[in-house]
Amino acid sequence: MAKYRRSLPLLKGGLFLSDGGIETTLIFHEGISLPHFAAFVLISTADGRRRLLDYYKRYLAIAQQHGTGFVLDTPTWRASADWGVKLGYDAAALAEVNQNAIYMLAELRAEYERPQAPIVLSGAIGPRGDGYRLGRMSADEAEDYHGPQISAFAASDADIVGAYTLTSIDEATGIARAAQSHGMPCSIAFTVETDGRLPDGRTLRAAIETVDAATGGYPHYYMINCAHPDHFETSLDTGSAWAQRIAGIRANASRMSHAELDNSEILDAGDPLDLGQRYRTLTTHLPRLRILGGCCGTDHRHIAAICEACLPPTALSA
């Protein structure tokens, strides 16, 4: 029997915030060592869970102050099989940590959710390979690979699964198919290079239209993440049907390329106020944009600046 799920409030309109770059915040601001950039390892200890909860609470407080909804993504971007092997987690341990991540965030939802400010529990999925490089898998291989993580979320209280930093159209297609087979709503977030294209040179339009065609439009919405607005804002044909499928942005703080970020030993936090204004421009061009968060280099300061720039005065005083 399929697990009962709440209806997705973010499909009904309204603005939802999300968090920033969890891994870069924990590493560069809090001095926490994350092997292979994997934040999910912190779930296994009481101190690690406390650090994660403290991280999320900073963002939830901003959403509470401004009366917005919130998409709570689990820290499980790396909690899939290949990364699990590197980190000493077998299949059973990965299933447990993915479900425990949802249960941890469900406690936060119980504390912070309000009738007019719903909180969505999102099981976060990352690419099989490096999010900065082109993934090379067939859609069938991707469906098989990501299926166990999606299955774990399907057996939990997750409302949706969100796949982030995808560089491969085939991998995105496989994830959407796996989500569909497990009865899970899903979102797909592509990352692009400084020219606004995927690493293989294909456009965001091609990515979204291809996945939709291959899956019967199964993804509930698409997002762009892990790229600065400079890299993609001129690529958006804002009046087109494919651009209307974009409902979320989680941009990087830095204008640097992925290669430059990969080789940098310091964190480029960019300009939070400028980022907020760029988000404001994006919200005017993408009328269905409703999920605003951050990625590498962003923290609660950036999300606060995005709030100030994008929310109408009536919402700010609510």
Protein backbone atom coordinates (compact mmCIF):
# COMPACT_ATOMS: atom_id res chain seq x y z
CA MET A 1 0.00 0.00 0.00
CA ALA A 2 1.35 3.45 -0.92
CA LYS A 3 2.24 5.71 1.95
CA TYR A 4 -0.17 8.60 2.47
CA ARG A 5 1.40 11.96 1.61
CA ARG A 6 0.32 15.47 2.30
CA SER A 7 -0.65 17.51 -0.73
CA LEU A 8 2.20 19.72 -1.90
CA PRO A 9 1.36 23.25 -0.81
CA LEU A 10 4.08 24.75 -3.00
CA LEU A 11 2.06 23.71 -6.06
CA LYS A 12 -0.73 26.03 -4.94
CA GLY A 13 1.27 29.25 -5.08
CA GLY A 14 2.91 31.42 -2.47
CA LEU A 15 6.58 31.99 -1.78
CA PHE A 16 8.85 29.38 -0.20
CA LEU A 17 12.37 29.88 1.05
CA SER A 18 15.03 27.22 1.28
CA ASP A 19 18.45 27.08 2.90
CA GLY A 20 21.81 28.06 1.45
CA GLY A 21 24.97 26.10 0.73
CA ILE A 22 24.96 23.64 3.61
CA GLU A 23 28.29 22.03 2.84
CA THR A 24 30.21 25.26 2.24
CA THR A 25 28.68 26.80 5.37
CA LEU A 26 29.59 23.86 7.59
CA ILE A 27 33.12 23.59 6.18
CA PHE A 28 34.17 27.24 5.82
CA HIS A 29 32.11 28.99 8.50
CA GLU A 30 31.88 26.31 11.17
CA GLY A 31 35.12 24.43 10.59
CA ILE A 32 33.45 21.02 10.29
CA SER A 33 35.24 18.37 8.27
CA LEU A 34 32.94 16.77 5.69
CA PRO A 35 34.60 13.83 3.94
CA HIS A 36 33.77 13.86 0.23
CA PHE A 37 31.61 16.93 0.86
CA ALA A 38 29.04 14.69 2.61
CA ALA A 39 26.96 16.45 5.26
CA PHE A 40 24.84 13.38 5.95
CA VAL A 41 27.60 11.80 8.03
CA LEU A 42 26.72 14.28 10.80
CA ILE A 43 23.35 12.57 11.33
CA SER A 44 25.12 9.61 12.97
CA THR A 45 26.15 11.53 16.12
CA ALA A 46 24.26 13.61 18.65
CA ASP A 47 26.66 16.54 18.19
CA GLY A 48 26.39 16.29 14.43
CA ARG A 49 22.59 16.35 14.55
CA ARG A 50 22.73 19.37 16.85
CA ARG A 51 24.98 21.22 14.41
CA LEU A 52 22.62 20.40 11.54
CA LEU A 53 19.54 21.50 13.46
CA ASP A 54 21.22 24.76 14.45
CA TYR A 55 22.05 25.33 10.78
CA TYR A 56 18.46 24.84 9.61
CA LYS A 57 16.98 26.92 12.43
CA ARG A 58 18.77 30.04 11.20
CA TYR A 59 16.87 29.80 7.92
CA LEU A 60 13.56 28.79 9.46
CA ALA A 61 13.73 31.87 11.67
CA ILE A 62 14.02 34.06 8.55
CA ALA A 63 11.00 32.36 6.97
CA GLN A 64 9.05 32.70 10.21
CA GLN A 65 9.90 36.41 10.43
CA HIS A 66 8.64 37.01 6.89
CA GLY A 67 5.69 34.64 6.98
CA THR A 68 6.81 32.45 4.08
CA GLY A 69 6.68 28.74 3.51
CA PHE A 70 9.87 26.69 3.52
CA VAL A 71 11.30 23.73 1.61
CA LEU A 72 13.42 21.72 4.06
CA ASP A 73 15.96 19.68 2.11
CA THR A 74 17.72 16.82 3.86
CA PRO A 75 21.54 16.90 4.04
CA THR A 76 21.67 13.73 1.90
CA TRP A 77 23.10 15.03 -1.38
CA ARG A 78 25.88 12.43 -1.11
CA ALA A 79 23.84 9.61 0.51
CA SER A 80 23.80 7.26 -2.48
CA ALA A 81 25.60 4.00 -3.20
CA ASP A 82 28.90 5.07 -4.81
CA TRP A 83 29.53 7.78 -2.24
CA GLY A 84 28.36 5.48 0.53
CA VAL A 85 31.08 2.96 -0.37
CA LYS A 86 33.71 5.68 -0.04
CA LEU A 87 32.31 6.68 3.34
CA GLY A 88 31.80 3.20 4.79
CA TYR A 89 28.00 2.99 4.43
CA ASP A 90 26.40 -0.12 2.98
CA ALA A 91 22.93 -0.21 1.44
CA ALA A 92 21.14 -0.77 4.75
CA ALA A 93 23.05 2.04 6.47
CA LEU A 94 22.28 4.43 3.61
CA ALA A 95 18.57 3.62 3.73
CA GLU A 96 18.59 4.26 7.47
CA VAL A 97 20.45 7.57 7.24
CA ASN A 98 18.18 8.85 4.47
CA GLN A 99 15.09 8.06 6.52
CA ASN A 100 16.61 9.44 9.72
CA ALA A 101 17.33 12.69 7.88
CA ILE A 102 13.63 13.06 7.14
CA TYR A 103 12.64 12.23 10.71
CA MET A 104 15.12 14.82 12.01
CA LEU A 105 13.60 17.51 9.81
CA ALA A 106 10.06 16.42 10.68
CA GLU A 107 10.82 17.54 14.24
CA LEU A 108 11.70 20.99 12.92
CA ARG A 109 8.52 21.10 10.90
CA ALA A 110 6.48 20.32 13.98
CA GLU A 111 8.15 23.25 15.75
CA TYR A 112 8.10 25.89 12.99
CA GLU A 113 5.20 25.18 10.66
CA ARG A 114 2.20 27.52 10.75
CA PRO A 115 -1.12 27.24 8.85
CA GLN A 116 -0.20 30.07 6.46
CA ALA A 117 3.48 29.10 6.28
CA PRO A 118 3.71 25.41 5.34
CA ILE A 119 6.94 23.44 5.42
CA VAL A 120 7.73 20.83 2.77
CA LEU A 121 10.04 17.91 3.62
CA SER A 122 12.28 17.24 0.63
CA GLY A 123 14.59 14.25 0.32
CA ALA A 124 17.69 15.66 -1.39
CA ILE A 125 19.43 13.60 -4.05
CA GLY A 126 22.73 14.42 -5.71
CA PRO A 127 24.38 13.17 -8.89
CA ARG A 128 26.13 9.83 -8.98
CA GLY A 129 29.34 11.62 -9.89
CA ASP A 130 30.72 15.10 -9.32
CA GLY A 131 28.18 17.89 -9.55
CA TYR A 132 30.72 20.06 -11.36
CA ARG A 133 31.35 17.58 -14.20
CA LEU A 134 29.30 15.89 -16.89
CA GLY A 135 27.59 12.74 -15.65
CA ARG A 136 27.74 9.76 -18.00
CA MET A 137 24.95 7.25 -17.40
CA SER A 138 22.03 6.05 -19.43
CA ALA A 139 18.56 6.84 -18.15
CA ASP A 140 18.07 3.14 -17.31
CA GLU A 141 21.33 3.05 -15.32
CA ALA A 142 20.35 6.23 -13.47
CA GLU A 143 16.93 4.81 -12.62
CA ASP A 144 18.55 1.71 -11.14
CA TYR A 145 21.25 3.67 -9.30
CA HIS A 146 19.01 6.28 -7.66
CA GLY A 147 16.10 3.94 -7.00
CA PRO A 148 17.25 2.76 -3.53
CA GLN A 149 17.62 6.31 -2.17
CA ILE A 150 14.23 7.30 -3.56
CA SER A 151 12.75 4.11 -2.11
CA ALA A 152 14.07 5.06 1.34
CA PHE A 153 12.44 8.47 1.08
CA ALA A 154 9.21 6.90 -0.18
CA ALA A 155 9.04 4.82 3.01
CA SER A 156 9.48 7.94 5.18
CA ASP A 157 7.49 11.13 5.73
CA ALA A 158 9.15 12.90 2.80
CA ASP A 159 6.76 14.99 0.72
CA ILE A 160 8.97 15.13 -2.37
CA VAL A 161 12.42 14.15 -3.61
CA GLY A 162 14.61 16.92 -5.02
CA ALA A 163 17.52 16.08 -7.31
CA TYR A 164 20.22 18.78 -7.31
CA THR A 165 23.32 19.79 -9.31
CA LEU A 166 22.46 17.53 -12.22
CA THR A 167 24.61 17.94 -15.31
CA SER A 168 23.21 15.03 -17.32
CA ILE A 169 19.83 14.94 -19.04
CA ASP A 170 19.87 11.13 -19.01
CA GLU A 171 20.53 11.04 -15.26
CA ALA A 172 17.69 13.49 -14.65
CA THR A 173 15.39 11.32 -16.76
CA GLY A 174 16.33 8.22 -14.77
CA ILE A 175 15.71 9.96 -11.47
CA ALA A 176 12.28 11.14 -12.60
CA ARG A 177 11.40 7.62 -13.72
CA ALA A 178 12.56 6.16 -10.40
CA ALA A 179 10.51 8.71 -8.49
CA GLN A 180 7.46 7.88 -10.57
CA SER A 181 7.89 4.15 -9.99
CA HIS A 182 7.97 4.75 -6.23
CA GLY A 183 5.01 7.13 -6.28
CA MET A 184 7.13 10.08 -5.14
CA PRO A 185 6.69 13.65 -6.36
CA CYS A 186 10.02 14.97 -7.63
CA SER A 187 11.82 18.10 -8.72
CA ILE A 188 14.86 18.32 -10.96
CA ALA A 189 17.56 20.99 -10.57
CA PHE A 190 20.12 21.45 -13.33
CA THR A 191 23.39 23.28 -12.94
CA VAL A 192 24.99 25.14 -15.82
CA GLU A 193 28.37 26.52 -16.78
CA THR A 194 29.19 30.22 -17.17
CA ASP A 195 27.62 30.20 -20.66
CA GLY A 196 24.25 29.07 -19.29
CA ARG A 197 24.58 25.60 -20.82
CA LEU A 198 25.06 22.14 -19.39
CA PRO A 199 28.63 20.78 -19.55
CA ASP A 200 27.84 18.90 -22.77
CA GLY A 201 26.83 22.18 -24.43
CA ARG A 202 23.08 21.53 -24.38
CA THR A 203 20.72 24.27 -23.26
CA LEU A 204 18.40 24.41 -20.29
CA ARG A 205 15.56 24.37 -22.77
CA ALA A 206 16.82 21.10 -24.25
CA ALA A 207 17.28 19.62 -20.78
CA ILE A 208 13.79 20.45 -19.55
CA GLU A 209 11.99 19.59 -22.76
CA THR A 210 13.87 16.29 -23.15
CA VAL A 211 13.15 15.12 -19.60
CA ASP A 212 9.52 16.13 -19.92
CA ALA A 213 9.17 14.29 -23.22
CA ALA A 214 10.81 11.13 -21.82
CA THR A 215 8.75 11.05 -18.62
CA GLY A 216 5.38 12.45 -19.65
CA GLY A 217 6.18 15.66 -17.80
CA TYR A 218 6.51 13.79 -14.50
CA PRO A 219 8.77 16.25 -12.59
CA HIS A 220 6.51 18.57 -10.61
CA TYR A 221 8.86 21.45 -11.42
CA TYR A 222 12.43 22.27 -12.34
CA MET A 223 15.06 24.38 -10.62
CA ILE A 224 18.44 25.90 -11.42
CA ASN A 225 21.14 25.55 -8.79
CA CYS A 226 24.89 25.79 -8.22
CA ALA A 227 25.41 28.63 -10.73
CA HIS A 228 25.43 32.41 -10.32
CA PRO A 229 22.53 34.30 -11.95
CA ASP A 230 25.13 35.93 -14.23
CA HIS A 231 25.60 32.51 -15.79
CA PHE A 232 22.01 31.79 -16.76
CA GLU A 233 19.76 34.86 -16.52
CA THR A 234 20.23 35.82 -20.18
CA SER A 235 19.52 32.22 -21.27
CA LEU A 236 15.92 32.25 -20.05
CA ASP A 237 13.29 32.70 -22.72
CA THR A 238 10.92 33.88 -20.05
CA GLY A 239 7.75 33.72 -22.12
CA SER A 240 8.29 30.15 -23.28
CA ALA A 241 6.54 27.06 -21.98
CA TRP A 242 9.80 25.43 -20.87
CA ALA A 243 10.81 28.44 -18.77
CA GLN A 244 7.41 28.31 -17.07
CA ARG A 245 8.45 24.93 -15.69
CA ILE A 246 11.17 26.59 -13.59
CA ALA A 247 9.84 27.08 -10.08
CA GLY A 248 13.02 27.44 -8.03
CA ILE A 249 16.46 29.03 -7.96
CA ARG A 250 19.31 28.06 -5.65
CA ALA A 251 22.18 30.13 -7.00
CA ASN A 252 25.83 30.30 -6.03
CA ALA A 253 27.17 33.36 -4.24
CA SER A 254 30.23 33.49 -6.49
CA ARG A 255 30.53 34.37 -10.16
CA MET A 256 33.47 31.97 -10.50
CA SER A 257 33.24 28.98 -12.80
CA HIS A 258 32.91 25.48 -11.39
CA ALA A 259 36.53 24.78 -12.25
CA GLU A 260 37.64 27.91 -10.37
CA LEU A 261 35.49 27.03 -7.37
CA ASP A 262 36.85 23.49 -7.35
CA ASN A 263 40.42 24.80 -7.14
CA SER A 264 39.74 27.55 -4.59
CA GLU A 265 40.87 27.10 -1.00
CA ILE A 266 38.85 30.08 0.25
CA LEU A 267 35.13 30.72 0.18
CA ASP A 268 33.84 33.41 -2.17
CA ALA A 269 30.69 34.67 -0.48
CA GLY A 270 29.99 37.26 -3.17
CA ASP A 271 27.65 40.17 -2.45
CA PRO A 272 24.41 39.18 -0.66
CA LEU A 273 22.66 42.45 -1.53
CA ASP A 274 23.52 42.16 -5.23
CA LEU A 275 22.35 38.53 -5.22
CA GLY A 276 19.07 39.60 -3.67
CA GLN A 277 18.48 42.15 -6.43
CA ARG A 278 19.24 39.55 -9.09
CA TYR A 279 16.67 37.25 -7.55
CA ARG A 280 14.17 40.11 -7.63
CA THR A 281 14.76 40.48 -11.36
CA LEU A 282 14.33 36.73 -11.84
CA THR A 283 10.99 36.76 -9.99
CA THR A 284 9.68 39.42 -12.36
CA HIS A 285 10.75 37.43 -15.42
CA LEU A 286 9.66 34.00 -14.17
CA PRO A 287 6.13 34.37 -12.79
CA ARG A 288 6.05 30.75 -11.57
CA LEU A 289 9.24 31.14 -9.56
CA ARG A 290 8.28 30.40 -5.96
CA ILE A 291 11.24 28.64 -4.28
CA LEU A 292 14.17 30.88 -3.37
CA GLY A 293 17.30 29.46 -1.79
CA GLY A 294 21.05 29.32 -2.22
CA CYS A 295 23.89 26.98 -3.09
CA CYS A 296 27.69 27.14 -2.80
CA GLY A 297 28.96 30.10 -0.78
CA THR A 298 25.53 31.29 0.36
CA ASP A 299 24.41 31.35 3.98
CA HIS A 300 21.58 32.85 6.03
CA ARG A 301 22.76 36.39 5.17
CA HIS A 302 22.14 35.77 1.48
CA ILE A 303 18.70 34.27 2.11
CA ALA A 304 17.79 37.27 4.29
CA ALA A 305 18.90 39.63 1.51
CA ILE A 306 16.87 37.68 -1.05
CA CYS A 307 13.86 37.96 1.27
CA GLU A 308 14.24 41.70 1.64
CA ALA A 309 14.57 42.17 -2.11
CA CYS A 310 11.80 39.83 -3.28
CA LEU A 311 9.04 39.96 -0.71
CA PRO A 312 6.40 42.69 -0.97
CA PRO A 313 6.11 45.08 1.99
CA THR A 314 2.86 43.47 3.11
CA ALA A 315 4.62 40.14 3.53
CA LEU A 316 7.52 41.69 5.38
CA SER A 317 5.21 43.22 7.95
CA ALA A 318 3.10 40.08 8.43
